[in-house]
Protein backbone atom coordinates (compact mmCIF):
# COMPACT_ATOMS: atom_id res chain seq x y z
CA MET A 1 0.00 0.00 0.00
CA GLN A 2 1.13 3.55 -0.73
CA TYR A 3 0.73 6.29 1.89
CA THR A 4 0.76 10.08 1.96
CA THR A 5 -0.43 12.88 4.20
CA LEU A 6 -3.86 14.43 3.89
CA GLY A 7 -3.03 17.78 2.32
CA HIS A 8 -0.68 19.89 4.42
CA THR A 9 -1.35 17.99 7.64
CA GLY A 10 0.58 15.36 9.56
CA LEU A 11 -2.25 12.84 9.15
CA VAL A 12 -0.89 9.84 7.24
CA VAL A 13 -3.49 8.11 5.09
CA SER A 14 -3.46 5.20 2.67
CA ARG A 15 -3.70 6.23 -0.97
CA LEU A 16 -6.57 3.82 -1.35
CA ALA A 17 -9.45 4.37 1.05
CA PHE A 18 -12.37 2.05 1.72
CA GLY A 19 -15.83 3.44 1.04
CA ALA A 20 -18.65 1.94 3.11
CA MET A 21 -21.50 3.44 1.08
CA THR A 22 -22.62 -0.05 0.06
CA PHE A 23 -23.03 -1.24 3.65
CA GLY A 24 -26.54 -1.95 4.87
CA GLU A 25 -29.71 -3.66 3.73
CA GLY A 26 -32.27 -1.40 2.10
CA GLN A 27 -32.56 1.63 -0.14
CA LEU A 28 -29.48 3.78 -0.62
CA VAL A 29 -31.10 6.06 -3.19
CA PRO A 30 -34.24 5.50 -5.28
CA GLY A 31 -33.54 2.51 -7.52
CA ILE A 32 -30.45 1.31 -5.63
CA ILE A 33 -30.87 -1.32 -2.91
CA ASN A 34 -27.91 -2.24 -0.73
CA LYS A 35 -27.58 -5.90 0.24
CA ILE A 36 -24.50 -6.07 2.47
CA ASP A 37 -25.03 -7.47 5.96
CA GLN A 38 -22.69 -7.24 8.95
CA ASN A 39 -20.90 -10.49 8.10
CA ILE A 40 -19.91 -9.31 4.61
CA ALA A 41 -19.05 -5.87 5.98
CA ASP A 42 -16.70 -7.50 8.51
CA GLN A 43 -14.98 -9.48 5.75
CA MET A 44 -14.49 -6.39 3.59
CA VAL A 45 -13.12 -4.25 6.41
CA ASN A 46 -10.78 -7.05 7.49
CA ARG A 47 -9.49 -7.41 3.94
CA ALA A 48 -9.01 -3.65 3.60
CA LEU A 49 -7.04 -3.50 6.85
CA ASP A 50 -4.92 -6.49 5.81
CA ALA A 51 -4.14 -4.69 2.54
CA GLY A 52 -2.85 -1.67 4.46
CA ILE A 53 -5.87 0.62 4.11
CA ASN A 54 -6.30 2.89 7.12
CA LEU A 55 -8.83 5.44 5.76
CA PHE A 56 -12.51 4.45 5.89
CA ASP A 57 -15.23 6.72 4.52
CA THR A 58 -18.96 6.71 5.23
CA ALA A 59 -21.83 9.19 5.77
CA ASP A 60 -24.75 9.60 8.13
CA ALA A 61 -27.24 9.29 5.25
CA TYR A 62 -25.97 6.02 3.78
CA THR A 63 -28.70 3.38 4.06
CA GLY A 64 -30.43 5.18 6.91
CA GLY A 65 -27.33 5.23 9.12
CA GLN A 66 -26.64 1.50 8.74
CA SER A 67 -23.32 2.18 7.01
CA GLU A 68 -21.88 3.97 10.04
CA ILE A 69 -23.17 1.29 12.42
CA MET A 70 -21.70 -1.56 10.40
CA LEU A 71 -18.38 0.19 9.85
CA GLY A 72 -18.03 0.87 13.57
CA LYS A 73 -18.78 -2.75 14.45
CA ALA A 74 -16.47 -4.09 11.75
CA LEU A 75 -13.56 -2.01 13.04
CA GLY A 76 -14.30 -2.87 16.67
CA SER A 77 -11.21 -2.95 18.83
CA ARG A 78 -9.06 -1.91 15.85
CA ARG A 79 -10.68 1.51 15.70
CA HIS A 80 -7.37 3.11 16.77
CA LYS A 81 -5.78 1.80 13.57
CA ALA A 82 -8.36 3.51 11.37
CA VAL A 83 -8.90 7.05 10.16
CA ILE A 84 -12.68 7.35 10.07
CA ALA A 85 -14.25 9.91 7.75
CA THR A 86 -17.96 10.62 7.69
CA LYS A 87 -20.21 13.32 6.28
CA VAL A 88 -23.19 15.54 7.10
CA GLY A 89 -25.72 17.42 5.01
CA PHE A 90 -28.21 15.06 3.39
CA ARG A 91 -31.59 14.35 5.01
CA THR A 92 -31.42 11.86 7.88
CA GLY A 93 -34.94 12.01 9.35
CA GLU A 94 -38.54 13.11 8.92
CA ALA A 95 -38.34 16.44 10.78
CA ILE A 96 -37.97 19.49 8.56
CA THR A 97 -34.73 20.30 10.40
CA ASP A 98 -33.16 16.88 9.77
CA THR A 99 -31.06 18.14 6.87
CA GLY A 100 -28.64 20.86 5.80
CA LEU A 101 -25.64 22.57 7.36
CA SER A 102 -27.22 24.61 10.14
CA TYR A 103 -25.48 24.78 13.52
CA ARG A 104 -28.30 22.70 15.00
CA HIS A 105 -28.14 19.94 12.42
CA ILE A 106 -24.34 19.70 12.28
CA ILE A 107 -23.97 19.35 16.05
CA SER A 108 -26.81 16.86 16.44
CA SER A 109 -25.64 14.87 13.41
CA ALA A 110 -22.09 14.62 14.72
CA GLU A 111 -23.38 13.37 18.07
CA ALA A 112 -25.54 10.77 16.31
CA SER A 113 -22.66 9.66 14.06
CA LEU A 114 -20.41 9.16 17.07
CA GLN A 115 -23.05 6.95 18.65
CA ARG A 116 -23.61 4.89 15.51
CA LEU A 117 -19.87 4.47 14.88
CA GLY A 118 -19.29 3.52 18.51
CA THR A 119 -16.36 5.89 18.89
CA ASP A 120 -15.39 8.95 20.92
CA TYR A 121 -14.14 11.00 17.97
CA ILE A 122 -14.38 11.34 14.21
CA ASP A 123 -11.07 11.77 12.41
CA LEU A 124 -12.41 13.66 9.38
CA TYR A 125 -15.85 15.30 9.39
CA GLN A 126 -16.99 16.58 6.01
CA ILE A 127 -19.90 18.67 4.81
CA HIS A 128 -21.49 16.43 2.19
CA ILE A 129 -23.32 18.90 -0.04
CA PRO A 130 -23.89 22.66 -0.29
CA ASP A 131 -26.73 24.18 1.73
CA PRO A 132 -28.41 27.07 -0.11
CA LEU A 133 -30.03 28.41 3.10
CA THR A 134 -27.45 28.38 5.88
CA PRO A 135 -24.93 31.25 6.00
CA PRO A 136 -21.37 29.92 5.68
CA GLU A 137 -20.42 31.67 8.94
CA GLU A 138 -22.88 29.44 10.80
CA THR A 139 -21.62 26.25 9.20
CA VAL A 140 -17.92 26.84 9.85
CA ARG A 141 -18.64 27.95 13.43
CA ALA A 142 -20.37 24.63 14.07
CA LEU A 143 -17.48 22.68 12.58
CA ASP A 144 -14.98 24.62 14.68
CA ASP A 145 -16.98 23.93 17.84
CA LEU A 146 -16.87 20.19 17.10
CA VAL A 147 -13.08 20.36 16.85
CA ARG A 148 -12.73 22.43 20.02
CA ARG A 149 -14.95 19.97 21.91
CA GLY A 150 -12.75 17.06 20.81
CA MET A 151 -15.52 15.32 18.87
CA VAL A 152 -13.77 15.85 15.53
CA ARG A 153 -10.06 15.94 14.66
CA TYR A 154 -10.11 17.40 11.12
CA ILE A 155 -12.74 18.90 8.84
CA GLY A 156 -13.34 18.91 5.11
CA PHE A 157 -15.90 19.57 2.41
CA SER A 158 -17.40 17.66 -0.49
CA ASN A 159 -19.07 18.71 -3.74
CA LEU A 160 -18.63 22.47 -3.26
CA LEU A 161 -17.83 25.01 -5.94
CA ALA A 162 -14.32 26.40 -5.53
CA TRP A 163 -15.51 29.92 -4.73
CA LYS A 164 -17.84 28.65 -1.99
CA ALA A 165 -15.08 26.58 -0.42
CA ALA A 166 -12.73 29.56 -0.69
CA ARG A 167 -15.25 31.81 1.03
CA MET A 168 -15.63 29.34 3.90
CA LEU A 169 -11.88 28.96 4.20
CA GLY A 170 -11.53 32.74 4.37
CA ILE A 171 -14.02 32.90 7.24
CA GLN A 172 -12.15 30.11 9.03
CA GLU A 173 -8.83 31.91 8.72
CA ARG A 174 -10.30 35.29 9.73
CA HIS A 175 -11.79 33.88 12.95
CA ASN A 176 -8.96 31.41 13.66
CA TYR A 177 -11.37 28.51 13.28
CA ALA A 178 -10.32 24.98 12.38
CA ARG A 179 -9.73 25.05 8.61
CA PHE A 180 -10.58 22.63 5.85
CA VAL A 181 -7.86 20.05 5.18
CA GLY A 182 -9.73 17.69 2.84
CA ALA A 183 -11.96 17.95 -0.22
CA GLN A 184 -13.93 14.86 -1.24
CA MET A 185 -14.71 15.28 -4.93
CA TYR A 186 -15.79 13.24 -7.92
CA TYR A 187 -12.87 12.58 -10.26
CA SER A 188 -12.37 9.99 -12.96
CA LEU A 189 -11.17 9.61 -16.54
CA LEU A 190 -14.73 10.54 -17.53
CA GLY A 191 -15.06 13.41 -15.08
CA ARG A 192 -12.07 15.74 -14.84
CA ASP A 193 -14.05 18.93 -14.16
CA ILE A 194 -12.26 19.64 -10.87
CA GLU A 195 -9.10 20.44 -12.84
CA HIS A 196 -10.65 23.77 -13.89
CA GLU A 197 -11.06 25.41 -10.45
CA ILE A 198 -10.91 22.96 -7.53
CA VAL A 199 -7.42 21.59 -8.23
CA PRO A 200 -5.72 25.02 -8.44
CA PHE A 201 -7.58 26.05 -5.28
CA VAL A 202 -6.52 23.04 -3.19
CA GLU A 203 -2.95 23.18 -4.45
CA GLU A 204 -2.74 26.82 -3.36
CA THR A 205 -4.30 26.17 0.06
CA GLY A 206 -2.79 22.81 1.00
CA ILE A 207 -6.04 20.85 0.96
CA GLY A 208 -5.91 17.16 0.03
CA ILE A 209 -8.41 15.64 -2.39
CA LEU A 210 -10.23 12.39 -1.62
CA VAL A 211 -11.74 10.95 -4.80
CA TRP A 212 -15.21 9.45 -4.90
CA SER A 213 -16.49 7.29 -7.78
CA PRO A 214 -13.11 6.80 -9.50
CA LEU A 215 -14.77 4.32 -11.88
CA ALA A 216 -17.71 6.62 -12.76
CA SER A 217 -20.08 4.33 -10.85
CA GLY A 218 -18.67 1.22 -12.49
CA PHE A 219 -18.58 2.37 -16.11
CA LEU A 220 -14.78 2.18 -16.22
CA SER A 221 -14.72 -1.34 -14.78
CA GLY A 222 -14.84 -2.67 -18.33
CA LYS A 223 -18.28 -4.24 -18.14
CA TYR A 224 -19.78 -1.49 -20.34
CA SER A 225 -19.12 -1.40 -24.08
CA ARG A 226 -20.93 -0.66 -27.32
CA GLU A 227 -21.61 -4.39 -27.55
CA THR A 228 -22.98 -4.58 -23.98
CA PRO A 229 -24.32 -1.09 -23.17
CA VAL A 230 -26.64 -2.45 -20.46
CA PRO A 231 -24.79 -5.21 -18.59
CA GLU A 232 -26.88 -7.29 -16.24
CA ASP A 233 -27.23 -6.05 -12.64
CA ALA A 234 -25.01 -2.99 -13.25
CA ARG A 235 -25.61 -0.05 -10.92
CA ARG A 236 -25.77 2.54 -13.70
CA ASN A 237 -28.70 0.70 -15.30
CA LYS A 238 -30.88 2.01 -12.47
CA PHE A 239 -29.05 5.17 -11.40
CA GLN A 240 -27.29 7.19 -14.11
CA PHE A 241 -24.93 8.96 -11.75
CA PRO A 242 -22.50 10.61 -12.07
CA PRO A 243 -23.37 11.88 -15.55
CA ILE A 244 -20.91 10.90 -18.28
CA ASP A 245 -20.37 11.12 -22.04
CA VAL A 246 -21.17 7.50 -22.91
CA ASP A 247 -19.62 7.54 -26.39
CA LYS A 248 -16.39 8.96 -24.99
CA GLY A 249 -16.66 6.36 -22.25
CA TYR A 250 -16.56 3.51 -24.76
CA GLU A 251 -13.34 4.94 -26.23
CA VAL A 252 -11.78 5.22 -22.79
CA VAL A 253 -12.78 1.68 -21.81
CA ALA A 254 -11.20 0.34 -25.01
CA LEU A 255 -7.91 2.07 -24.13
CA LEU A 256 -8.10 0.85 -20.53
CA LYS A 257 -8.46 -2.72 -21.75
CA GLU A 258 -5.50 -2.31 -24.11
CA ILE A 259 -3.26 -0.91 -21.36
CA GLY A 260 -4.54 -3.46 -18.88
CA TYR A 261 -3.69 -6.31 -21.24
CA ASN A 262 -0.06 -5.16 -21.31
CA HIS A 263 0.10 -5.28 -17.50
CA GLY A 264 -2.11 -8.27 -16.83
CA ALA A 265 -4.43 -5.82 -15.06
CA SER A 266 -8.13 -5.04 -15.17
CA SER A 267 -9.65 -1.89 -16.66
CA ALA A 268 -10.66 -0.80 -13.16
CA GLN A 269 -7.10 -1.14 -11.88
CA VAL A 270 -5.75 0.98 -14.74
CA ALA A 271 -8.41 3.68 -14.19
CA ILE A 272 -7.60 3.92 -10.48
CA ALA A 273 -3.83 3.75 -11.04
CA TRP A 274 -4.11 6.70 -13.43
CA ILE A 275 -5.74 8.81 -10.68
CA LEU A 276 -2.96 7.85 -8.28
CA THR A 277 -0.42 9.47 -10.63
CA LYS A 278 -1.94 12.90 -9.96
CA PRO A 279 0.04 14.81 -7.29
CA PHE A 280 -3.03 16.70 -6.05
CA ILE A 281 -4.79 13.46 -5.00
CA SER A 282 -4.35 12.26 -1.43
CA SER A 283 -6.53 9.15 -1.56
CA VAL A 284 -8.96 7.30 -3.83
CA ILE A 285 -12.09 5.84 -2.25
CA ILE A 286 -12.89 2.34 -3.50
CA GLY A 287 -16.19 0.64 -2.74
CA ALA A 288 -17.60 -2.75 -3.57
CA ASN A 289 -20.74 -4.86 -3.52
CA LYS A 290 -18.74 -8.09 -3.68
CA MET A 291 -15.39 -9.28 -2.34
CA VAL A 292 -14.16 -9.97 -5.86
CA GLN A 293 -14.63 -6.29 -6.72
CA LEU A 294 -12.71 -5.21 -3.63
CA GLU A 295 -9.86 -7.60 -4.41
CA ASP A 296 -9.64 -6.27 -7.95
CA ASN A 297 -9.61 -2.62 -6.88
CA LEU A 298 -6.91 -3.25 -4.30
CA GLY A 299 -4.60 -4.34 -7.11
CA ALA A 300 -4.46 -0.75 -8.37
CA ALA A 301 -2.08 0.18 -5.54
CA ASN A 302 0.71 -1.89 -7.09
CA LEU A 303 0.13 -0.99 -10.75
CA LYS A 304 2.72 1.37 -12.27
CA LEU A 305 1.73 2.97 -15.55
CA SER A 306 4.39 4.12 -17.98
CA PRO A 307 4.70 7.81 -18.89
CA HIS A 308 3.42 6.94 -22.38
CA GLU A 309 0.34 5.19 -20.98
CA ILE A 310 -0.40 8.11 -18.69
CA GLU A 311 -0.07 10.50 -21.62
CA GLN A 312 -2.44 8.36 -23.71
CA LEU A 313 -5.11 8.52 -21.02
CA ASP A 314 -4.48 12.20 -20.34
CA SER A 315 -4.83 13.12 -23.99
CA LEU A 316 -7.95 11.07 -24.66
CA THR A 317 -9.83 12.52 -21.69
CA ALA A 318 -8.43 16.06 -21.43
CA PRO A 319 -11.20 18.51 -20.42
CA GLN A 320 -11.78 21.48 -22.69
CA PRO A 321 -10.70 24.80 -21.12
CA LEU A 322 -13.54 26.94 -19.81
CA TYR A 323 -13.63 30.73 -19.90
CA PRO A 324 -11.97 32.57 -18.23
CA GLY A 325 -9.51 29.73 -17.87
CA TRP A 326 -8.28 29.94 -21.45
CA MET A 327 -7.52 33.66 -20.95
CA GLN A 328 -5.09 33.10 -18.08
CA ALA A 329 -1.98 32.37 -20.15
CA MET A 330 -2.40 35.76 -21.82
CA GLY A 331 -1.50 37.36 -18.51
CA TRP A 332 2.14 36.59 -19.29
CA ASP A 333 3.71 39.47 -21.20
CA ALA A 334 5.96 37.97 -23.88
CA LYS A 335 8.81 40.40 -23.29
CA VAL A 336 8.76 39.97 -19.52
CA LYS A 337 8.57 36.19 -19.79
CA ALA A 338 11.50 36.07 -22.22
CA ALA A 339 13.57 38.24 -19.87
CA LEU A 340 12.80 36.02 -16.88
CA ASP A 341 13.43 32.81 -18.80
CA SER A 342 16.84 34.07 -19.84
């Protein structure tokens, strides 16, 4: 297993993290039913620990809280070996206040997560989604209080626009609050949008990125192709998320299979290994419905792609520059640049 620190912190995390979103028995989201009981959860967590994974990600909303409960039980007495990350923001109950990023909901949700996880502290507490109602000052004050009370060690965000995260970070620094150290974002060969704004932001501020859905919800596993566009029992058949360019996806899968053949590796392993080559990535969250999927994903940690293979994947999937991004290079005056280069 490879290790690094989470952004500019001293927290050492495995470069592959285990995602417990699939834990539980019941509806995860409309159309997706989880079928993992405690026994299978125990096996998966044990295998992840044996492979050297120390970062485990979940959320209070996953399968009605079952994910946190099962993860906590599976870790058991080995909790001290694990970095537990969980999230807040999605609806967790019937009351109108059981959602969002208000002070009330964040504090009560953290207390409930601690109880479900069976632990005294959460290593990384992340806001899961943006809240269009709650002022950012209220949200970051709640997160800081959790850190000061010892309930949370580090804080992060997920799925925020760069300017919103920057605004929150500015408030944190102005008031000497605990600051964001992690950003959990979607990133894959079919979804490189964060390279426009999020990546420059986190590189400037020392925030580490945790990647969710590195296989674009299974599309990059290799099971999808023009010949089999709707493979049996595939998650994306019922829940088309995250959105992707399917035609481009078929091209990418074909290249993944070609590269994988040269290494004796699966398409999924190549797709994850490519993400691990990016210096702005701290860890990639892998999840599974079956042990065979987990075993396959774990193999990505030991796969080394050649510079040519990385360039092939980079070129095929390069995102088109967005305005004003494509204007930035014009800020360099030719005469000044030539003088400095000399």
